[in-house]
Amino acid sequence: MNPFAIVYLSNMYRYGATQAANEIYHTLFWQGTKWSNALTSACGPAPGYITGGPNANAVRDGVPASLAPPAAQPRQKAYKDWNGPWPDSSWL
């Protein structure tokens, strides 16, 4: 069980998940496209992609320290469900 009680697979609602990753970083699922978010866009990302999960080293890896979460969080809570471009660096 993770602290968010979510499935770290994208868009798994159709398969019984009550909470799943809504966004993943990839140019196919870019912000503003019909595939960007499982809850707010027309299609959402394809189901079953594995997200990166928590990243306790997010700031060291290039995510701005002002972006909390994932910054300034305990190891298991260093996760944010987003697919933001640079400078947020959601893919790091």
C-alpha atoms as a PDB file:
ATOM      1  CA  MET A   1       0.000   0.000   0.000  1.00  0.00           C
ATOM      2  CA  ASN A   2       1.367   3.417  -0.899  1.00  0.00           C
ATOM      3  CA  PRO A   3       0.485   6.599   1.039  1.00  0.00           C
ATOM      4  CA  PHE A   4      -1.790   7.827  -1.758  1.00  0.00           C
ATOM      5  CA  ALA A   5      -3.683   4.521  -2.150  1.00  0.00           C
ATOM      6  CA  ILE A   6      -3.369   4.804  -5.924  1.00  0.00           C
ATOM      7  CA  VAL A   7      -2.437   2.391  -8.656  1.00  0.00           C
ATOM      8  CA  TYR A   8       0.784   3.651 -10.303  1.00  0.00           C
ATOM      9  CA  LEU A   9      -0.574   2.535 -13.686  1.00  0.00           C
ATOM     10  CA  SER A  10      -2.174   5.073 -15.997  1.00  0.00           C
ATOM     11  CA  ASN A  11      -5.924   5.357 -16.571  1.00  0.00           C
ATOM     12  CA  MET A  12      -6.979   2.075 -14.939  1.00  0.00           C
ATOM     13  CA  TYR A  13     -10.525   3.115 -13.960  1.00  0.00           C
ATOM     14  CA  ARG A  14     -12.135   0.935 -16.618  1.00  0.00           C
ATOM     15  CA  TYR A  15     -10.346  -2.034 -15.044  1.00  0.00           C
ATOM     16  CA  GLY A  16     -11.598  -1.453 -11.498  1.00  0.00           C
ATOM     17  CA  ALA A  17      -9.167   1.038  -9.970  1.00  0.00           C
ATOM     18  CA  THR A  18     -10.747   3.659  -7.741  1.00  0.00           C
ATOM     19  CA  GLN A  19      -7.617   5.851  -7.981  1.00  0.00           C
ATOM     20  CA  ALA A  20      -4.972   5.594 -10.689  1.00  0.00           C
ATOM     21  CA  ALA A  21      -2.293   7.742 -12.280  1.00  0.00           C
ATOM     22  CA  ASN A  22      -4.122  10.309 -14.392  1.00  0.00           C
ATOM     23  CA  GLU A  23      -1.120  11.755 -16.215  1.00  0.00           C
ATOM     24  CA  ILE A  24       2.190  10.380 -17.451  1.00  0.00           C
ATOM     25  CA  TYR A  25       5.001  12.143 -19.235  1.00  0.00           C
ATOM     26  CA  HIS A  26       5.295  11.407 -22.927  1.00  0.00           C
ATOM     27  CA  THR A  27       4.901  13.627 -25.974  1.00  0.00           C
ATOM     28  CA  LEU A  28       1.879  11.557 -27.034  1.00  0.00           C
ATOM     29  CA  PHE A  29       0.115  12.493 -23.785  1.00  0.00           C
ATOM     30  CA  TRP A  30       1.237  16.135 -23.705  1.00  0.00           C
ATOM     31  CA  GLN A  31      -0.680  18.773 -21.779  1.00  0.00           C
ATOM     32  CA  GLY A  32      -3.662  20.086 -23.691  1.00  0.00           C
ATOM     33  CA  THR A  33      -4.041  17.045 -25.961  1.00  0.00           C
ATOM     34  CA  LYS A  34      -7.052  14.765 -25.761  1.00  0.00           C
ATOM     35  CA  TRP A  35      -4.800  12.165 -24.102  1.00  0.00           C
ATOM     36  CA  SER A  36      -3.269  14.346 -21.377  1.00  0.00           C
ATOM     37  CA  ASN A  37      -5.389  13.503 -18.309  1.00  0.00           C
ATOM     38  CA  ALA A  38      -7.594  10.499 -17.553  1.00  0.00           C
ATOM     39  CA  LEU A  39     -10.166  12.622 -15.721  1.00  0.00           C
ATOM     40  CA  THR A  40     -10.252  15.909 -17.628  1.00  0.00           C
ATOM     41  CA  SER A  41      -9.317  15.196 -21.249  1.00  0.00           C
ATOM     42  CA  ALA A  42     -11.375  13.422 -23.909  1.00  0.00           C
ATOM     43  CA  CYS A  43      -9.437  10.137 -23.867  1.00  0.00           C
ATOM     44  CA  GLY A  44      -6.758  10.230 -21.210  1.00  0.00           C
ATOM     45  CA  PRO A  45      -3.456   8.380 -21.524  1.00  0.00           C
ATOM     46  CA  ALA A  46      -3.530   4.773 -22.650  1.00  0.00           C
ATOM     47  CA  PRO A  47      -4.289   2.414 -19.757  1.00  0.00           C
ATOM     48  CA  GLY A  48      -1.558   0.397 -18.109  1.00  0.00           C
ATOM     49  CA  TYR A  49       1.537   2.581 -18.489  1.00  0.00           C
ATOM     50  CA  ILE A  50       3.691   2.451 -15.369  1.00  0.00           C
ATOM     51  CA  THR A  51       4.493   5.849 -13.879  1.00  0.00           C
ATOM     52  CA  GLY A  52       7.826   6.631 -12.325  1.00  0.00           C
ATOM     53  CA  GLY A  53       6.278   6.603  -8.843  1.00  0.00           C
ATOM     54  CA  PRO A  54       7.752   8.582  -5.958  1.00  0.00           C
ATOM     55  CA  ASN A  55      11.091  10.304  -6.526  1.00  0.00           C
ATOM     56  CA  ALA A  56      12.790  11.340  -3.308  1.00  0.00           C
ATOM     57  CA  ASN A  57      15.609  12.825  -5.422  1.00  0.00           C
ATOM     58  CA  ALA A  58      13.327  14.969  -7.577  1.00  0.00           C
ATOM     59  CA  VAL A  59      14.989  18.278  -6.691  1.00  0.00           C
ATOM     60  CA  ARG A  60      18.481  16.849  -7.134  1.00  0.00           C
ATOM     61  CA  ASP A  61      17.326  15.456 -10.497  1.00  0.00           C
ATOM     62  CA  GLY A  62      16.141  18.865 -11.722  1.00  0.00           C
ATOM     63  CA  VAL A  63      12.582  19.421 -10.502  1.00  0.00           C
ATOM     64  CA  PRO A  64      12.259  22.962  -9.066  1.00  0.00           C
ATOM     65  CA  ALA A  65      12.382  23.024  -5.252  1.00  0.00           C
ATOM     66  CA  SER A  66       9.272  25.212  -5.299  1.00  0.00           C
ATOM     67  CA  LEU A  67       7.206  22.390  -6.822  1.00  0.00           C
ATOM     68  CA  ALA A  68       5.839  20.523  -3.812  1.00  0.00           C
ATOM     69  CA  PRO A  69       5.043  17.734  -4.074  1.00  0.00           C
ATOM     70  CA  PRO A  70       7.350  16.076  -5.097  1.00  0.00           C
ATOM     71  CA  ALA A  71       9.834  18.446  -3.417  1.00  0.00           C
ATOM     72  CA  ALA A  72       9.868  18.806   0.386  1.00  0.00           C
ATOM     73  CA  GLN A  73       8.091  15.496   0.982  1.00  0.00           C
ATOM     74  CA  PRO A  74       8.973  12.253   2.749  1.00  0.00           C
ATOM     75  CA  ARG A  75      10.365   9.578   0.396  1.00  0.00           C
ATOM     76  CA  GLN A  76       7.082   7.748  -0.186  1.00  0.00           C
ATOM     77  CA  LYS A  77       5.112  10.973  -0.728  1.00  0.00           C
ATOM     78  CA  ALA A  78       7.536  12.551  -3.229  1.00  0.00           C
ATOM     79  CA  TYR A  79       5.046  12.030  -6.064  1.00  0.00           C
ATOM     80  CA  LYS A  80       2.929  14.344  -8.180  1.00  0.00           C
ATOM     81  CA  ASP A  81       0.478  13.188 -10.836  1.00  0.00           C
ATOM     82  CA  TRP A  82       1.416  15.571 -13.669  1.00  0.00           C
ATOM     83  CA  ASN A  83       3.049  15.676 -17.079  1.00  0.00           C
ATOM     84  CA  GLY A  84       4.447  19.186 -17.062  1.00  0.00           C
ATOM     85  CA  PRO A  85       7.130  20.362 -19.476  1.00  0.00           C
ATOM     86  CA  TRP A  86      10.363  22.129 -18.636  1.00  0.00           C
ATOM     87  CA  PRO A  87      11.058  23.798 -16.213  1.00  0.00           C
ATOM     88  CA  ASP A  88       8.825  21.550 -14.072  1.00  0.00           C
ATOM     89  CA  SER A  89      10.593  18.503 -15.498  1.00  0.00           C
ATOM     90  CA  SER A  90       7.953  15.942 -14.642  1.00  0.00           C
ATOM     91  CA  TRP A  91       9.906  13.230 -16.429  1.00  0.00           C
ATOM     92  CA  LEU A  92      12.858  13.417 -14.016  1.00  0.00           C
END
